[in-house]
PDB file of N, CA and C in Angstrom:
ATOM      1  N   MET A   1       0.833  -1.174   0.000  1.00  0.00           N
ATOM      2  CA  MET A   1       0.000   0.000   0.000  1.00  0.00           C
ATOM      3  C   MET A   1       0.881   1.241   0.000  1.00  0.00           C
ATOM      4  N   VAL A   2       0.544   2.210  -0.829  1.00  0.00           N
ATOM      5  CA  VAL A   2       1.293   3.450  -0.921  1.00  0.00           C
ATOM      6  C   VAL A   2       0.632   4.475  -0.019  1.00  0.00           C
ATOM      7  N   LYS A   3       1.444   5.045   0.871  1.00  0.00           N
ATOM      8  CA  LYS A   3       0.923   6.072   1.756  1.00  0.00           C
ATOM      9  C   LYS A   3       1.159   7.437   1.112  1.00  0.00           C
ATOM     10  N   ARG A   4       0.106   8.155   0.928  1.00  0.00           N
ATOM     11  CA  ARG A   4       0.174   9.466   0.289  1.00  0.00           C
ATOM     12  C   ARG A   4       0.425  10.547   1.333  1.00  0.00           C
ATOM     13  N   ILE A   5       1.392  11.419   1.081  1.00  0.00           N
ATOM     14  CA  ILE A   5       1.720  12.496   2.006  1.00  0.00           C
ATOM     15  C   ILE A   5       1.187  13.808   1.417  1.00  0.00           C
ATOM     16  N   VAL A   6       0.379  14.483   2.196  1.00  0.00           N
ATOM     17  CA  VAL A   6      -0.157  15.770   1.776  1.00  0.00           C
ATOM     18  C   VAL A   6       0.877  16.834   2.126  1.00  0.00           C
ATOM     19  N   THR A   7       1.328  17.577   1.140  1.00  0.00           N
ATOM     20  CA  THR A   7       2.402  18.550   1.374  1.00  0.00           C
ATOM     21  C   THR A   7       1.947  20.000   1.289  1.00  0.00           C
ATOM     22  N   GLY A   8       0.762  20.274   0.867  1.00  0.00           N
ATOM     23  CA  GLY A   8       0.317  21.660   0.742  1.00  0.00           C
ATOM     24  C   GLY A   8      -1.198  21.719   0.786  1.00  0.00           C
ATOM     25  N   ALA A   9      -1.706  22.920   0.594  1.00  0.00           N
ATOM     26  CA  ALA A   9      -3.151  23.123   0.673  1.00  0.00           C
ATOM     27  C   ALA A   9      -3.846  22.833  -0.647  1.00  0.00           C
ATOM     28  N   HIS A  10      -3.096  22.681  -1.732  1.00  0.00           N
ATOM     29  CA  HIS A  10      -3.646  22.364  -3.054  1.00  0.00           C
ATOM     30  C   HIS A  10      -4.672  23.385  -3.524  1.00  0.00           C
ATOM     31  N   TYR A  11      -4.266  24.647  -3.539  1.00  0.00           N
ATOM     32  CA  TYR A  11      -5.169  25.702  -3.991  1.00  0.00           C
ATOM     33  C   TYR A  11      -5.347  25.668  -5.506  1.00  0.00           C
ATOM     34  N   GLY A  12      -4.265  25.454  -6.226  1.00  0.00           N
ATOM     35  CA  GLY A  12      -4.297  25.208  -7.655  1.00  0.00           C
ATOM     36  C   GLY A  12      -5.004  26.224  -8.511  1.00  0.00           C
ATOM     37  N   LEU A  13      -6.095  25.794  -9.124  1.00  0.00           N
ATOM     38  CA  LEU A  13      -6.810  26.593 -10.106  1.00  0.00           C
ATOM     39  C   LEU A  13      -7.319  27.907  -9.517  1.00  0.00           C
ATOM     40  N   LEU A  14      -7.810  27.885  -8.299  1.00  0.00           N
ATOM     41  CA  LEU A  14      -8.327  29.107  -7.677  1.00  0.00           C
ATOM     42  C   LEU A  14      -7.226  30.157  -7.544  1.00  0.00           C
ATOM     43  N   ASP A  15      -6.040  29.746  -7.116  1.00  0.00           N
ATOM     44  CA  ASP A  15      -4.922  30.689  -7.012  1.00  0.00           C
ATOM     45  C   ASP A  15      -4.501  31.201  -8.382  1.00  0.00           C
ATOM     46  N   TRP A  16      -4.412  30.309  -9.332  1.00  0.00           N
ATOM     47  CA  TRP A  16      -4.020  30.696 -10.684  1.00  0.00           C
ATOM     48  C   TRP A  16      -4.990  31.740 -11.231  1.00  0.00           C
ATOM     49  N   LEU A  17      -6.284  31.479 -11.081  1.00  0.00           N
ATOM     50  CA  LEU A  17      -7.307  32.399 -11.572  1.00  0.00           C
ATOM     51  C   LEU A  17      -7.267  33.723 -10.816  1.00  0.00           C
ATOM     52  N   ALA A  18      -7.112  33.669  -9.493  1.00  0.00           N
ATOM     53  CA  ALA A  18      -7.062  34.899  -8.691  1.00  0.00           C
ATOM     54  C   ALA A  18      -5.857  35.752  -9.075  1.00  0.00           C
ATOM     55  N   GLN A  19      -4.711  35.123  -9.316  1.00  0.00           N
ATOM     56  CA  GLN A  19      -3.523  35.869  -9.747  1.00  0.00           C
ATOM     57  C   GLN A  19      -3.791  36.588 -11.062  1.00  0.00           C
ATOM     58  N   ARG A  20      -4.440  35.900 -12.007  1.00  0.00           N
ATOM     59  CA  ARG A  20      -4.703  36.517 -13.315  1.00  0.00           C
ATOM     60  C   ARG A  20      -5.727  37.629 -13.217  1.00  0.00           C
ATOM     61  N   VAL A  21      -6.790  37.409 -12.461  1.00  0.00           N
ATOM     62  CA  VAL A  21      -7.846  38.424 -12.333  1.00  0.00           C
ATOM     63  C   VAL A  21      -7.306  39.671 -11.632  1.00  0.00           C
ATOM     64  N   THR A  22      -6.561  39.481 -10.539  1.00  0.00           N
ATOM     65  CA  THR A  22      -6.020  40.645  -9.839  1.00  0.00           C
ATOM     66  C   THR A  22      -5.001  41.382 -10.706  1.00  0.00           C
ATOM     67  N   ALA A  23      -4.227  40.650 -11.497  1.00  0.00           N
ATOM     68  CA  ALA A  23      -3.267  41.296 -12.396  1.00  0.00           C
ATOM     69  C   ALA A  23      -3.993  42.130 -13.451  1.00  0.00           C
ATOM     70  N   VAL A  24      -5.078  41.609 -13.995  1.00  0.00           N
ATOM     71  CA  VAL A  24      -5.852  42.356 -14.997  1.00  0.00           C
ATOM     72  C   VAL A  24      -6.455  43.609 -14.368  1.00  0.00           C
ATOM     73  N   VAL A  25      -6.993  43.492 -13.164  1.00  0.00           N
ATOM     74  CA  VAL A  25      -7.566  44.658 -12.481  1.00  0.00           C
ATOM     75  C   VAL A  25      -6.496  45.731 -12.294  1.00  0.00           C
ATOM     76  N   MET A  26      -5.313  45.322 -11.872  1.00  0.00           N
ATOM     77  CA  MET A  26      -4.242  46.298 -11.651  1.00  0.00           C
ATOM     78  C   MET A  26      -3.773  46.949 -12.954  1.00  0.00           C
ATOM     79  N   VAL A  27      -3.656  46.167 -14.016  1.00  0.00           N
ATOM     80  CA  VAL A  27      -3.222  46.728 -15.311  1.00  0.00           C
ATOM     81  C   VAL A  27      -4.266  47.700 -15.854  1.00  0.00           C
ATOM     82  N   VAL A  28      -5.532  47.331 -15.771  1.00  0.00           N
ATOM     83  CA  VAL A  28      -6.595  48.221 -16.258  1.00  0.00           C
ATOM     84  C   VAL A  28      -6.600  49.529 -15.470  1.00  0.00           C
ATOM     85  N   TYR A  29      -6.436  49.439 -14.162  1.00  0.00           N
ATOM     86  CA  TYR A  29      -6.401  50.650 -13.333  1.00  0.00           C
ATOM     87  C   TYR A  29      -5.221  51.541 -13.720  1.00  0.00           C
ATOM     88  N   ILE A  30      -4.047  50.946 -13.827  1.00  0.00           N
ATOM     89  CA  ILE A  30      -2.850  51.728 -14.147  1.00  0.00           C
ATOM     90  C   ILE A  30      -2.975  52.393 -15.517  1.00  0.00           C
ATOM     91  N   LEU A  31      -3.436  51.639 -16.510  1.00  0.00           N
ATOM     92  CA  LEU A  31      -3.604  52.225 -17.846  1.00  0.00           C
ATOM     93  C   LEU A  31      -4.655  53.335 -17.842  1.00  0.00           C
ATOM     94  N   SER A  32      -5.747  53.123 -17.128  1.00  0.00           N
ATOM     95  CA  SER A  32      -6.791  54.152 -17.028  1.00  0.00           C
ATOM     96  C   SER A  32      -6.266  55.409 -16.341  1.00  0.00           C
ATOM     97  N   LEU A  33      -5.481  55.220 -15.286  1.00  0.00           N
ATOM     98  CA  LEU A  33      -4.926  56.359 -14.576  1.00  0.00           C
ATOM     99  C   LEU A  33      -3.928  57.116 -15.453  1.00  0.00           C
ATOM    100  N   ILE A  34      -3.130  56.397 -16.218  1.00  0.00           N
ATOM    101  CA  ILE A  34      -2.189  57.051 -17.134  1.00  0.00           C
ATOM    102  C   ILE A  34      -2.936  57.878 -18.168  1.00  0.00           C
ATOM    103  N   VAL A  35      -3.988  57.311 -18.749  1.00  0.00           N
ATOM    104  CA  VAL A  35      -4.779  58.050 -19.738  1.00  0.00           C
ATOM    105  C   VAL A  35      -5.403  59.290 -19.098  1.00  0.00           C
ATOM    106  N   ALA A  36      -5.976  59.125 -17.906  1.00  0.00           N
ATOM    107  CA  ALA A  36      -6.593  60.266 -17.220  1.00  0.00           C
ATOM    108  C   ALA A  36      -5.571  61.356 -16.921  1.00  0.00           C
ATOM    109  N   LEU A  37      -4.359  60.960 -16.547  1.00  0.00           N
ATOM    110  CA  LEU A  37      -3.332  61.953 -16.240  1.00  0.00           C
ATOM    111  C   LEU A  37      -2.783  62.616 -17.499  1.00  0.00           C
ATOM    112  N   LEU A  38      -2.782  61.888 -18.605  1.00  0.00           N
ATOM    113  CA  LEU A  38      -2.354  62.497 -19.869  1.00  0.00           C
ATOM    114  C   LEU A  38      -3.382  63.499 -20.385  1.00  0.00           C
ATOM    115  N   ILE A  39      -4.648  63.202 -20.148  1.00  0.00           N
ATOM    116  CA  ILE A  39      -5.710  64.106 -20.581  1.00  0.00           C
ATOM    117  C   ILE A  39      -5.719  65.372 -19.728  1.00  0.00           C
ATOM    118  N   SER A  40      -5.619  65.188 -18.430  1.00  0.00           N
ATOM    119  CA  SER A  40      -5.664  66.329 -17.517  1.00  0.00           C
ATOM    120  C   SER A  40      -4.492  66.222 -16.547  1.00  0.00           C
ATOM    121  N   THR A  41      -3.378  66.808 -16.909  1.00  0.00           N
ATOM    122  CA  THR A  41      -2.177  66.728 -16.086  1.00  0.00           C
ATOM    123  C   THR A  41      -2.300  67.657 -14.878  1.00  0.00           C
ATOM    124  N   PRO A  42      -2.256  67.084 -13.675  1.00  0.00           N
ATOM    125  CA  PRO A  42      -2.333  67.935 -12.481  1.00  0.00           C
ATOM    126  C   PRO A  42      -0.998  68.620 -12.215  1.00  0.00           C
ATOM    127  N   HIS A  43      -1.053  69.917 -11.902  1.00  0.00           N
ATOM    128  CA  HIS A  43       0.165  70.683 -11.686  1.00  0.00           C
ATOM    129  C   HIS A  43       0.367  71.064 -10.227  1.00  0.00           C
ATOM    130  N   ASP A  44      -0.652  70.869  -9.408  1.00  0.00           N
ATOM    131  CA  ASP A  44      -0.507  71.191  -7.999  1.00  0.00           C
ATOM    132  C   ASP A  44      -1.361  70.241  -7.159  1.00  0.00           C
ATOM    133  N   HIS A  45      -1.282  70.404  -5.859  1.00  0.00           N
ATOM    134  CA  HIS A  45      -1.996  69.517  -4.933  1.00  0.00           C
ATOM    135  C   HIS A  45      -3.507  69.608  -5.114  1.00  0.00           C
ATOM    136  N   ALA A  46      -4.004  70.789  -5.365  1.00  0.00           N
ATOM    137  CA  ALA A  46      -5.445  70.978  -5.539  1.00  0.00           C
ATOM    138  C   ALA A  46      -5.959  70.204  -6.756  1.00  0.00           C
ATOM    139  N   ALA A  47      -5.164  70.155  -7.816  1.00  0.00           N
ATOM    140  CA  ALA A  47      -5.568  69.391  -9.010  1.00  0.00           C
ATOM    141  C   ALA A  47      -5.603  67.895  -8.717  1.00  0.00           C
ATOM    142  N   TRP A  48      -4.634  67.424  -7.942  1.00  0.00           N
ATOM    143  CA  TRP A  48      -4.660  66.001  -7.556  1.00  0.00           C
ATOM    144  C   TRP A  48      -5.889  65.696  -6.694  1.00  0.00           C
ATOM    145  N   GLU A  49      -6.209  66.592  -5.778  1.00  0.00           N
ATOM    146  CA  GLU A  49      -7.402  66.408  -4.938  1.00  0.00           C
ATOM    147  C   GLU A  49      -8.663  66.375  -5.786  1.00  0.00           C
ATOM    148  N   THR A  50      -8.723  67.195  -6.819  1.00  0.00           N
ATOM    149  CA  THR A  50      -9.883  67.218  -7.708  1.00  0.00           C
ATOM    150  C   THR A  50     -10.035  65.891  -8.438  1.00  0.00           C
ATOM    151  N   ILE A  51      -8.923  65.349  -8.906  1.00  0.00           N
ATOM    152  CA  ILE A  51      -8.989  64.061  -9.615  1.00  0.00           C
ATOM    153  C   ILE A  51      -9.500  62.962  -8.689  1.00  0.00           C
ATOM    154  N   PHE A  52      -8.958  62.910  -7.469  1.00  0.00           N
ATOM    155  CA  PHE A  52      -9.330  61.834  -6.553  1.00  0.00           C
ATOM    156  C   PHE A  52     -10.577  62.152  -5.737  1.00  0.00           C
ATOM    157  N   ALA A  53     -11.204  63.293  -5.983  1.00  0.00           N
ATOM    158  CA  ALA A  53     -12.487  63.587  -5.342  1.00  0.00           C
ATOM    159  C   ALA A  53     -13.618  62.827  -6.019  1.00  0.00           C
ATOM    160  N   ASN A  54     -13.402  62.407  -7.251  1.00  0.00           N
ATOM    161  CA  ASN A  54     -14.395  61.630  -7.991  1.00  0.00           C
ATOM    162  C   ASN A  54     -14.593  60.267  -7.320  1.00  0.00           C
ATOM    163  N   GLN A  55     -15.846  59.925  -7.042  1.00  0.00           N
ATOM    164  CA  GLN A  55     -16.150  58.674  -6.337  1.00  0.00           C
ATOM    165  C   GLN A  55     -15.686  57.446  -7.123  1.00  0.00           C
ATOM    166  N   TRP A  56     -15.793  57.479  -8.449  1.00  0.00           N
ATOM    167  CA  TRP A  56     -15.379  56.318  -9.258  1.00  0.00           C
ATOM    168  C   TRP A  56     -13.872  56.105  -9.177  1.00  0.00           C
ATOM    169  N   ILE A  57     -13.105  57.174  -9.133  1.00  0.00           N
ATOM    170  CA  ILE A  57     -11.649  57.061  -8.996  1.00  0.00           C
ATOM    171  C   ILE A  57     -11.313  56.469  -7.634  1.00  0.00           C
ATOM    172  N   ARG A  58     -12.023  56.881  -6.618  1.00  0.00           N
ATOM    173  CA  ARG A  58     -11.794  56.332  -5.274  1.00  0.00           C
ATOM    174  C   ARG A  58     -12.105  54.839  -5.233  1.00  0.00           C
ATOM    175  N   ILE A  59     -13.223  54.446  -5.827  1.00  0.00           N
ATOM    176  CA  ILE A  59     -13.591  53.025  -5.849  1.00  0.00           C
ATOM    177  C   ILE A  59     -12.573  52.228  -6.648  1.00  0.00           C
ATOM    178  N   ALA A  60     -12.168  52.751  -7.806  1.00  0.00           N
ATOM    179  CA  ALA A  60     -11.176  52.056  -8.629  1.00  0.00           C
ATOM    180  C   ALA A  60      -9.844  51.953  -7.888  1.00  0.00           C
ATOM    181  N   SER A  61      -9.458  53.001  -7.183  1.00  0.00           N
ATOM    182  CA  SER A  61      -8.209  52.966  -6.412  1.00  0.00           C
ATOM    183  C   SER A  61      -8.293  51.935  -5.293  1.00  0.00           C
ATOM    184  N   PHE A  62      -9.439  51.883  -4.629  1.00  0.00           N
ATOM    185  CA  PHE A  62      -9.616  50.883  -3.572  1.00  0.00           C
ATOM    186  C   PHE A  62      -9.554  49.468  -4.141  1.00  0.00           C
ATOM    187  N   LEU A  63     -10.208  49.238  -5.276  1.00  0.00           N
ATOM    188  CA  LEU A  63     -10.139  47.919  -5.914  1.00  0.00           C
ATOM    189  C   LEU A  63      -8.713  47.573  -6.319  1.00  0.00           C
ATOM    190  N   PHE A  64      -7.954  48.577  -6.772  1.00  0.00           N
ATOM    191  CA  PHE A  64      -6.555  48.355  -7.101  1.00  0.00           C
ATOM    192  C   PHE A  64      -5.779  47.885  -5.872  1.00  0.00           C
ATOM    193  N   PHE A  65      -5.947  48.575  -4.741  1.00  0.00           N
ATOM    194  CA  PHE A  65      -5.210  48.203  -3.536  1.00  0.00           C
ATOM    195  C   PHE A  65      -5.623  46.837  -3.003  1.00  0.00           C
ATOM    196  N   VAL A  66      -6.906  46.520  -3.075  1.00  0.00           N
ATOM    197  CA  VAL A  66      -7.363  45.188  -2.648  1.00  0.00           C
ATOM    198  C   VAL A  66      -6.767  44.122  -3.564  1.00  0.00           C
ATOM    199  N   SER A  67      -6.780  44.378  -4.864  1.00  0.00           N
ATOM    200  CA  SER A  67      -6.189  43.431  -5.811  1.00  0.00           C
ATOM    201  C   SER A  67      -4.694  43.270  -5.561  1.00  0.00           C
ATOM    202  N   LEU A  68      -4.018  44.375  -5.288  1.00  0.00           N
ATOM    203  CA  LEU A  68      -2.588  44.325  -5.015  1.00  0.00           C
ATOM    204  C   LEU A  68      -2.289  43.481  -3.774  1.00  0.00           C
ATOM    205  N   CYS A  69      -3.060  43.680  -2.715  1.00  0.00           N
ATOM    206  CA  CYS A  69      -2.851  42.910  -1.484  1.00  0.00           C
ATOM    207  C   CYS A  69      -3.147  41.429  -1.701  1.00  0.00           C
ATOM    208  N   TRP A  70      -4.232  41.125  -2.397  1.00  0.00           N
ATOM    209  CA  TRP A  70      -4.593  39.728  -2.645  1.00  0.00           C
ATOM    210  C   TRP A  70      -3.530  39.063  -3.531  1.00  0.00           C
ATOM    211  N   HIS A  71      -3.096  39.758  -4.562  1.00  0.00           N
ATOM    212  CA  HIS A  71      -2.079  39.248  -5.473  1.00  0.00           C
ATOM    213  C   HIS A  71      -0.772  38.976  -4.702  1.00  0.00           C
ATOM    214  N   ALA A  72      -0.395  39.914  -3.859  1.00  0.00           N
ATOM    215  CA  ALA A  72       0.823  39.754  -3.058  1.00  0.00           C
ATOM    216  C   ALA A  72       0.691  38.590  -2.084  1.00  0.00           C
ATOM    217  N   TRP A  73      -0.462  38.450  -1.451  1.00  0.00           N
ATOM    218  CA  TRP A  73      -0.662  37.361  -0.488  1.00  0.00           C
ATOM    219  C   TRP A  73      -0.511  35.996  -1.161  1.00  0.00           C
ATOM    220  N   ILE A  74      -1.132  35.823  -2.313  1.00  0.00           N
ATOM    221  CA  ILE A  74      -1.041  34.532  -3.001  1.00  0.00           C
ATOM    222  C   ILE A  74       0.407  34.231  -3.370  1.00  0.00           C
ATOM    223  N   GLY A  75       1.101  35.203  -3.906  1.00  0.00           N
ATOM    224  CA  GLY A  75       2.489  34.993  -4.294  1.00  0.00           C
ATOM    225  C   GLY A  75       3.395  34.690  -3.114  1.00  0.00           C
ATOM    226  N   ILE A  76       3.282  35.488  -2.065  1.00  0.00           N
ATOM    227  CA  ILE A  76       4.130  35.276  -0.888  1.00  0.00           C
ATOM    228  C   ILE A  76       3.791  33.957  -0.204  1.00  0.00           C
ATOM    229  N   ARG A  77       2.512  33.635  -0.082  1.00  0.00           N
ATOM    230  CA  ARG A  77       2.123  32.368   0.548  1.00  0.00           C
ATOM    231  C   ARG A  77       2.692  31.180  -0.221  1.00  0.00           C
ATOM    232  N   ASN A  78       2.616  31.235  -1.543  1.00  0.00           N
ATOM    233  CA  ASN A  78       3.149  30.134  -2.336  1.00  0.00           C
ATOM    234  C   ASN A  78       4.664  30.015  -2.199  1.00  0.00           C
ATOM    235  N   ILE A  79       5.348  31.142  -2.169  1.00  0.00           N
ATOM    236  CA  ILE A  79       6.800  31.108  -1.976  1.00  0.00           C
ATOM    237  C   ILE A  79       7.140  30.525  -0.611  1.00  0.00           C
ATOM    238  N   LEU A  80       6.419  30.953   0.427  1.00  0.00           N
ATOM    239  CA  LEU A  80       6.683  30.435   1.769  1.00  0.00           C
ATOM    240  C   LEU A  80       6.400  28.934   1.854  1.00  0.00           C
ATOM    241  N   MET A  81       5.323  28.493   1.229  1.00  0.00           N
ATOM    242  CA  MET A  81       4.996  27.056   1.262  1.00  0.00           C
ATOM    243  C   MET A  81       6.040  26.237   0.512  1.00  0.00           C
ATOM    244  N   ASP A  82       6.629  26.801  -0.532  1.00  0.00           N
ATOM    245  CA  ASP A  82       7.622  26.068  -1.319  1.00  0.00           C
ATOM    246  C   ASP A  82       8.987  26.016  -0.654  1.00  0.00           C
ATOM    247  N   TYR A  83       9.393  27.090   0.030  1.00  0.00           N
ATOM    248  CA  TYR A  83      10.775  27.196   0.469  1.00  0.00           C
ATOM    249  C   TYR A  83      10.999  27.155   1.967  1.00  0.00           C
ATOM    250  N   ILE A  84       9.971  27.338   2.775  1.00  0.00           N
ATOM    251  CA  ILE A  84      10.138  27.256   4.231  1.00  0.00           C
ATOM    252  C   ILE A  84       9.355  26.041   4.717  1.00  0.00           C
ATOM    253  N   HIS A  85      10.097  25.007   5.065  1.00  0.00           N
ATOM    254  CA  HIS A  85       9.464  23.735   5.400  1.00  0.00           C
ATOM    255  C   HIS A  85       9.152  23.597   6.889  1.00  0.00           C
ATOM    256  N   GLU A  86       9.794  24.382   7.721  1.00  0.00           N
ATOM    257  CA  GLU A  86       9.515  24.354   9.158  1.00  0.00           C
ATOM    258  C   GLU A  86       8.170  25.042   9.405  1.00  0.00           C
ATOM    259  N   THR A  87       7.206  24.288   9.883  1.00  0.00           N
ATOM    260  CA  THR A  87       5.827  24.775   9.995  1.00  0.00           C
ATOM    261  C   THR A  87       5.700  25.996  10.893  1.00  0.00           C
ATOM    262  N   GLY A  88       6.346  25.993  12.028  1.00  0.00           N
ATOM    263  CA  GLY A  88       6.235  27.120  12.961  1.00  0.00           C
ATOM    264  C   GLY A  88       6.772  28.412  12.385  1.00  0.00           C
ATOM    265  N   ILE A  89       7.915  28.325  11.725  1.00  0.00           N
ATOM    266  CA  ILE A  89       8.504  29.520  11.115  1.00  0.00           C
ATOM    267  C   ILE A  89       7.624  30.022   9.979  1.00  0.00           C
ATOM    268  N   ARG A  90       7.153  29.091   9.134  1.00  0.00           N
ATOM    269  CA  ARG A  90       6.307  29.477   8.002  1.00  0.00           C
ATOM    270  C   ARG A  90       5.013  30.126   8.496  1.00  0.00           C
ATOM    271  N   LEU A  91       4.393  29.556   9.527  1.00  0.00           N
ATOM    272  CA  LEU A  91       3.148  30.112  10.060  1.00  0.00           C
ATOM    273  C   LEU A  91       3.377  31.502  10.642  1.00  0.00           C
ATOM    274  N   THR A  92       4.478  31.678  11.346  1.00  0.00           N
ATOM    275  CA  THR A  92       4.796  32.987  11.916  1.00  0.00           C
ATOM    276  C   THR A  92       4.962  34.034  10.825  1.00  0.00           C
ATOM    277  N   ILE A  93       5.715  33.689   9.792  1.00  0.00           N
ATOM    278  CA  ILE A  93       5.924  34.636   8.695  1.00  0.00           C
ATOM    279  C   ILE A  93       4.605  34.917   7.971  1.00  0.00           C
ATOM    280  N   GLN A  94       3.779  33.891   7.774  1.00  0.00           N
ATOM    281  CA  GLN A  94       2.487  34.101   7.108  1.00  0.00           C
ATOM    282  C   GLN A  94       1.595  35.029   7.917  1.00  0.00           C
ATOM    283  N   VAL A  95       1.572  34.872   9.222  1.00  0.00           N
ATOM    284  CA  VAL A  95       0.766  35.756  10.066  1.00  0.00           C
ATOM    285  C   VAL A  95       1.284  37.190   9.977  1.00  0.00           C
ATOM    286  N   LEU A  96       2.607  37.358  10.001  1.00  0.00           N
ATOM    287  CA  LEU A  96       3.183  38.705   9.868  1.00  0.00           C
ATOM    288  C   LEU A  96       2.852  39.330   8.518  1.00  0.00           C
ATOM    289  N   VAL A  97       2.877  38.535   7.464  1.00  0.00           N
ATOM    290  CA  VAL A  97       2.529  39.036   6.129  1.00  0.00           C
ATOM    291  C   VAL A  97       1.057  39.441   6.086  1.00  0.00           C
ATOM    292  N   ILE A  98       0.188  38.617   6.637  1.00  0.00           N
ATOM    293  CA  ILE A  98      -1.244  38.932   6.660  1.00  0.00           C
ATOM    294  C   ILE A  98      -1.484  40.238   7.422  1.00  0.00           C
ATOM    295  N   LEU A  99      -0.870  40.365   8.592  1.00  0.00           N
ATOM    296  CA  LEU A  99      -1.039  41.598   9.371  1.00  0.00           C
ATOM    297  C   LEU A  99      -0.507  42.807   8.618  1.00  0.00           C
ATOM    298  N   SER A 100       0.621  42.665   7.950  1.00  0.00           N
ATOM    299  CA  SER A 100       1.176  43.769   7.162  1.00  0.00           C
ATOM    300  C   SER A 100       0.240  44.167   6.036  1.00  0.00           C
ATOM    301  N   LEU A 101      -0.281  43.180   5.304  1.00  0.00           N
ATOM    302  CA  LEU A 101      -1.178  43.476   4.187  1.00  0.00           C
ATOM    303  C   LEU A 101      -2.483  44.103   4.671  1.00  0.00           C
ATOM    304  N   LEU A 102      -2.994  43.658   5.806  1.00  0.00           N
ATOM    305  CA  LEU A 102      -4.201  44.282   6.371  1.00  0.00           C
ATOM    306  C   LEU A 102      -3.921  45.728   6.771  1.00  0.00           C
ATOM    307  N   PHE A 103      -2.753  45.964   7.378  1.00  0.00           N
ATOM    308  CA  PHE A 103      -2.366  47.332   7.733  1.00  0.00           C
ATOM    309  C   PHE A 103      -2.307  48.208   6.491  1.00  0.00           C
ATOM    310  N   TYR A 104      -1.678  47.704   5.419  1.00  0.00           N
ATOM    311  CA  TYR A 104      -1.568  48.483   4.189  1.00  0.00           C
ATOM    312  C   TYR A 104      -2.935  48.731   3.549  1.00  0.00           C
ATOM    313  N   ALA A 105      -3.832  47.757   3.631  1.00  0.00           N
ATOM    314  CA  ALA A 105      -5.173  47.938   3.067  1.00  0.00           C
ATOM    315  C   ALA A 105      -5.939  49.024   3.834  1.00  0.00           C
ATOM    316  N   VAL A 106      -5.848  48.986   5.160  1.00  0.00           N
ATOM    317  CA  VAL A 106      -6.519  50.011   5.972  1.00  0.00           C
ATOM    318  C   VAL A 106      -5.894  51.381   5.710  1.00  0.00           C
ATOM    319  N   TRP A 107      -4.592  51.420   5.573  1.00  0.00           N
ATOM    320  CA  TRP A 107      -3.900  52.675   5.275  1.00  0.00           C
ATOM    321  C   TRP A 107      -4.337  53.225   3.918  1.00  0.00           C
ATOM    322  N   ALA A 108      -4.498  52.338   2.933  1.00  0.00           N
ATOM    323  CA  ALA A 108      -4.955  52.765   1.606  1.00  0.00           C
ATOM    324  C   ALA A 108      -6.367  53.342   1.693  1.00  0.00           C
ATOM    325  N   ILE A 109      -7.229  52.726   2.487  1.00  0.00           N
ATOM    326  CA  ILE A 109      -8.586  53.256   2.671  1.00  0.00           C
ATOM    327  C   ILE A 109      -8.523  54.656   3.277  1.00  0.00           C
ATOM    328  N   GLU A 110      -7.660  54.829   4.264  1.00  0.00           N
ATOM    329  CA  GLU A 110      -7.518  56.140   4.887  1.00  0.00           C
ATOM    330  C   GLU A 110      -6.999  57.180   3.906  1.00  0.00           C
ATOM    331  N   ILE A 111      -6.068  56.777   3.048  1.00  0.00           N
ATOM    332  CA  ILE A 111      -5.520  57.714   2.059  1.00  0.00           C
ATOM    333  C   ILE A 111      -6.583  58.082   1.022  1.00  0.00           C
ATOM    334  N   VAL A 112      -7.284  57.085   0.513  1.00  0.00           N
ATOM    335  CA  VAL A 112      -8.248  57.333  -0.562  1.00  0.00           C
ATOM    336  C   VAL A 112      -9.468  58.083  -0.062  1.00  0.00           C
ATOM    337  N   TRP A 113      -9.979  57.737   1.113  1.00  0.00           N
ATOM    338  CA  TRP A 113     -11.187  58.387   1.612  1.00  0.00           C
ATOM    339  C   TRP A 113     -10.925  59.368   2.748  1.00  0.00           C
ATOM    340  N   GLY A 114      -9.673  59.586   3.085  1.00  0.00           N
ATOM    341  CA  GLY A 114      -9.344  60.442   4.224  1.00  0.00           C
ATOM    342  C   GLY A 114      -9.469  61.910   3.959  1.00  0.00           C
TER     343      GLY A 114
END
């Protein structure tokens, strides 16, 4: 009888799809922002405030930051699962990464809607 050893969480297709979707969201946001800045180049702080006063820009920026955090989490988690085999160390680093990404997400909300 062959004993099968489970070595990971086997996220597979869901992670692959999430990486692609978050990457597309980020690329679309960046390209849209570049076009918007080329059309109306802000020259001072007040012009930047005017651009980001638009509710759709705020929502798109928030979606960008959420996508960035999710994309980073999947990548870092996969790297940690592949290269750090000691469970306690890997879990500690994963918790620190999660807390960091949550902090950055809350900070992004404060910046965008602050």
